[in-house]
Amino acid sequence: MTQPTTNTPAVDGPDLEPRLTPYQRTIRERLLAAPVVAAPAPWERVAVVAVGGLLGIGFASLPEDGRDLVMVVSTTGHGLLDAVTGERIARDREPDPDEETPDTAPDLTCPGLGPVAGQRVHIAGLHGGGLHSGTADGWSLDVVTPAWPHERVLLSHGGAPYAGPHGDGWWHVFHSGHSEFRAAGFSPSGRTVAVATSSDVTLWTRATAPGPTDDGEGQA
């Protein structure tokens, strides 16, 4: 007696992946082909700070002179970095998990440290939130994923991003292939760019933040 088979033919389902237009394919191929390069003047990469178990980052300002500071939240505590040098200037190794971590606050904030103690700092990262994606003088930052799950961070200035060749108005400045992406953006002052992954923070800075009427070149 022939036994019934338990194998059933696969059912053809609908193609749920939308097909890219020729223009979209061109943009994707352009992004995939672009190597990581140094950010253009006036930007300068100043630090790559290792932070194990990083969850998120946020910006604050030094009260005395407005200098950019970066708040780092990780599984090993909270830290405050000087955005110009990457130097750690304050640390809290045991924040209260019930009251002092951003995931417990409705606005994703946590208490500041050191010179910004008493302030609340907005944190962007694993739990949500975001940083500034542009500056007053026309710089923009985009996070794209043409080959998921590896995010690419693209810096651009003026015009339509990615319309021209790589290096002509836009630059691939960071690739998150080594760790999970957390957040990327400008400081409110427009003088700092920060990119955070689960293992580190990379910082770029420029000496001045031109206003909207400037040409965007600034000072190196």
Protein backbone atom coordinates (compact mmCIF):
# COMPACT_ATOMS: atom_id res chain seq x y z
CA MET A 1 0.00 0.00 0.00
CA THR A 2 1.37 3.36 -0.95
CA GLN A 3 1.86 5.71 1.97
CA PRO A 4 0.70 9.32 1.52
CA THR A 5 3.51 11.79 1.24
CA THR A 6 3.95 14.48 3.87
CA ASN A 7 5.73 16.83 1.52
CA THR A 8 3.54 19.55 0.11
CA PRO A 9 4.55 21.84 -2.70
CA ALA A 10 5.55 25.36 -1.82
CA VAL A 11 2.81 27.91 -2.27
CA ASP A 12 3.78 30.83 -4.40
CA GLY A 13 3.03 33.99 -2.47
CA PRO A 14 2.95 37.59 -3.60
CA ASP A 15 6.24 39.42 -4.18
CA LEU A 16 6.21 41.71 -1.15
CA GLU A 17 9.51 43.41 -1.96
CA PRO A 18 8.87 46.49 -4.11
CA ARG A 19 11.04 46.63 -7.20
CA LEU A 20 13.49 49.49 -7.41
CA THR A 21 13.16 51.99 -10.20
CA PRO A 22 16.20 52.52 -12.44
CA TYR A 23 16.90 55.79 -10.59
CA GLN A 24 16.70 54.04 -7.20
CA ARG A 25 19.03 51.29 -8.39
CA THR A 26 21.53 53.93 -9.54
CA ILE A 27 21.47 55.63 -6.14
CA ARG A 28 21.83 52.31 -4.29
CA GLU A 29 24.78 51.26 -6.45
CA ARG A 30 26.38 54.67 -5.92
CA LEU A 31 26.06 54.33 -2.14
CA LEU A 32 27.39 50.76 -2.13
CA ALA A 33 30.42 51.75 -4.20
CA ALA A 34 31.39 54.76 -2.09
CA PRO A 35 34.36 54.03 0.22
CA VAL A 36 34.72 55.55 3.67
CA VAL A 37 36.66 58.81 3.37
CA ALA A 38 37.77 61.62 5.66
CA ALA A 39 35.22 64.36 6.21
CA PRO A 40 36.00 67.49 4.19
CA ALA A 41 37.20 70.80 5.63
CA PRO A 42 36.28 72.38 7.94
CA TRP A 43 35.49 69.06 9.66
CA GLU A 44 38.21 67.15 11.48
CA ARG A 45 37.89 63.78 13.18
CA VAL A 46 39.19 64.29 16.69
CA ALA A 47 38.45 61.09 18.61
CA VAL A 48 37.17 57.53 18.58
CA VAL A 49 36.23 56.69 22.16
CA ALA A 50 35.68 53.05 23.09
CA VAL A 51 32.52 52.55 25.16
CA GLY A 52 31.47 48.97 25.80
CA GLY A 53 27.72 48.36 25.84
CA LEU A 54 26.87 51.84 24.58
CA LEU A 55 23.13 52.52 24.58
CA GLY A 56 22.86 56.14 23.49
CA ILE A 57 24.35 59.64 23.38
CA GLY A 58 23.24 63.24 23.76
CA PHE A 59 24.67 66.75 23.65
CA ALA A 60 25.13 69.38 26.33
CA SER A 61 27.07 72.66 26.53
CA LEU A 62 29.75 73.78 28.97
CA PRO A 63 28.11 76.65 30.89
CA GLU A 64 31.25 78.84 30.88
CA ASP A 65 31.85 79.08 27.13
CA GLY A 66 29.25 76.98 25.28
CA ARG A 67 31.79 74.27 24.39
CA ASP A 68 30.09 71.09 23.12
CA LEU A 69 29.91 68.11 25.46
CA VAL A 70 28.73 64.58 24.68
CA MET A 71 26.78 62.55 27.22
CA VAL A 72 27.27 58.79 26.84
CA VAL A 73 24.91 56.21 28.34
CA SER A 74 26.09 52.59 28.50
CA THR A 75 25.52 49.38 30.39
CA THR A 76 28.52 50.29 32.57
CA GLY A 77 27.31 53.77 33.55
CA HIS A 78 27.17 57.32 32.26
CA GLY A 79 30.03 59.48 31.02
CA LEU A 80 30.57 63.04 29.81
CA LEU A 81 33.05 63.74 26.99
CA ASP A 82 34.68 66.91 25.76
CA ALA A 83 33.57 67.00 22.12
CA VAL A 84 36.72 68.79 20.97
CA THR A 85 39.22 66.32 22.44
CA GLY A 86 37.20 63.21 23.31
CA GLU A 87 38.49 63.43 26.87
CA ARG A 88 36.20 61.96 29.54
CA ILE A 89 35.55 64.73 32.07
CA ALA A 90 32.94 63.10 34.31
CA ARG A 91 31.69 59.60 35.07
CA ASP A 92 28.84 57.95 37.01
CA ARG A 93 29.41 54.21 37.21
CA GLU A 94 26.19 53.42 39.11
CA PRO A 95 23.25 55.55 37.98
CA ASP A 96 19.93 54.72 39.59
CA PRO A 97 18.21 52.39 37.07
CA ASP A 98 14.78 53.47 38.31
CA GLU A 99 15.24 57.23 37.99
CA GLU A 100 18.45 58.16 36.16
CA THR A 101 18.41 56.23 32.88
CA PRO A 102 16.74 57.57 29.70
CA ASP A 103 14.48 54.56 29.18
CA THR A 104 12.67 55.41 32.43
CA ALA A 105 11.98 59.05 31.43
CA PRO A 106 9.06 60.00 29.15
CA ASP A 107 11.32 62.41 27.25
CA LEU A 108 14.35 60.04 27.08
CA THR A 109 16.51 62.26 29.29
CA CYS A 110 18.98 61.52 32.06
CA PRO A 111 20.73 63.72 34.66
CA GLY A 112 23.83 65.59 33.52
CA LEU A 113 27.23 65.04 35.10
CA GLY A 114 30.09 67.24 36.25
CA PRO A 115 29.74 70.77 34.82
CA VAL A 116 26.20 70.09 33.61
CA ALA A 117 24.95 68.44 36.82
CA GLY A 118 21.42 69.62 37.52
CA GLN A 119 20.48 69.62 33.84
CA ARG A 120 18.56 66.95 31.96
CA VAL A 121 20.21 65.70 28.76
CA HIS A 122 18.19 64.19 25.88
CA ILE A 123 19.61 60.83 24.80
CA ALA A 124 19.23 59.22 21.36
CA GLY A 125 20.02 55.58 20.74
CA LEU A 126 18.74 52.11 21.46
CA HIS A 127 15.59 53.36 23.21
CA GLY A 128 14.64 55.94 20.56
CA GLY A 129 15.07 59.67 20.15
CA GLY A 130 17.18 61.55 17.65
CA LEU A 131 19.88 64.17 17.10
CA HIS A 132 20.02 67.17 14.76
CA SER A 133 20.29 66.06 11.12
CA GLY A 134 21.39 69.45 9.73
CA THR A 135 23.06 72.77 10.50
CA ALA A 136 22.13 76.38 9.83
CA ASP A 137 24.76 76.69 7.10
CA GLY A 138 23.67 73.75 5.00
CA TRP A 139 25.50 70.65 6.26
CA SER A 140 23.36 67.49 6.47
CA LEU A 141 23.82 64.02 7.90
CA ASP A 142 21.95 60.97 6.63
CA VAL A 143 22.01 57.36 7.78
CA VAL A 144 21.37 54.93 4.92
CA THR A 145 21.31 51.14 4.71
CA PRO A 146 21.76 50.01 1.11
CA ALA A 147 23.07 46.68 2.44
CA TRP A 148 21.20 46.00 5.67
CA PRO A 149 22.12 45.67 8.51
CA HIS A 150 25.24 47.81 8.05
CA GLU A 151 24.41 51.50 8.29
CA ARG A 152 26.42 54.12 6.42
CA VAL A 153 26.65 57.71 7.65
CA LEU A 154 26.76 60.29 4.85
CA LEU A 155 27.77 63.92 5.28
CA SER A 156 26.65 66.36 2.60
CA HIS A 157 26.63 70.09 1.91
CA GLY A 158 24.43 72.03 -0.48
CA GLY A 159 22.24 70.79 -3.29
CA ALA A 160 20.59 67.41 -3.63
CA PRO A 161 22.52 64.75 -1.69
CA TYR A 162 24.04 61.90 -3.69
CA ALA A 163 23.05 63.41 -7.05
CA GLY A 164 26.68 63.68 -8.12
CA PRO A 165 29.79 61.55 -7.74
CA HIS A 166 31.04 60.59 -4.29
CA GLY A 167 33.25 63.38 -2.96
CA ASP A 168 31.37 66.04 -4.90
CA GLY A 169 29.04 67.48 -2.26
CA TRP A 170 28.63 64.29 -0.25
CA TRP A 171 30.98 61.98 1.65
CA HIS A 172 30.65 58.50 3.19
CA VAL A 173 32.32 59.21 6.55
CA PHE A 174 31.33 56.20 8.67
CA HIS A 175 30.37 52.54 8.17
CA SER A 176 28.90 50.60 11.09
CA GLY A 177 29.97 47.15 9.97
CA HIS A 178 31.86 46.39 13.21
CA SER A 179 29.10 47.15 15.76
CA GLU A 180 25.41 47.92 16.03
CA PHE A 181 24.49 51.47 15.06
CA ARG A 182 22.98 53.65 17.82
CA ALA A 183 22.74 57.30 16.72
CA ALA A 184 24.30 60.00 14.56
CA GLY A 185 23.86 63.75 14.37
CA PHE A 186 25.06 67.28 14.91
CA SER A 187 25.27 69.14 18.19
CA PRO A 188 22.75 72.01 18.52
CA SER A 189 25.62 74.46 17.97
CA GLY A 190 26.50 72.81 14.65
CA ARG A 191 30.16 72.50 15.64
CA THR A 192 30.21 68.76 16.37
CA VAL A 193 29.23 65.56 14.58
CA ALA A 194 28.89 62.39 16.66
CA VAL A 195 28.27 58.81 15.55
CA ALA A 196 27.61 56.17 18.19
CA THR A 197 27.62 52.40 17.91
CA SER A 198 27.31 49.72 20.58
CA SER A 199 31.08 49.85 21.09
CA ASP A 200 32.29 53.41 20.50
CA VAL A 201 31.68 57.09 19.78
CA THR A 202 33.36 58.87 16.86
CA LEU A 203 33.60 62.66 16.98
CA TRP A 204 34.26 65.30 14.34
CA THR A 205 34.52 69.01 15.11
CA ARG A 206 35.04 72.34 13.41
CA ALA A 207 36.36 75.53 14.94
CA THR A 208 33.36 77.70 14.06
CA ALA A 209 29.71 77.26 13.23
CA PRO A 210 28.87 79.70 10.40
CA GLY A 211 25.42 81.25 10.26
CA PRO A 212 22.94 80.69 7.44
CA THR A 213 24.36 83.60 5.42
CA ASP A 214 27.91 82.25 5.39
CA ASP A 215 29.36 80.17 2.55
CA GLY A 216 29.69 77.05 4.70
CA GLU A 217 33.47 76.77 4.39
CA GLY A 218 34.27 78.03 7.89
CA GLN A 219 37.72 77.63 9.34
CA ALA A 220 39.74 74.45 9.20
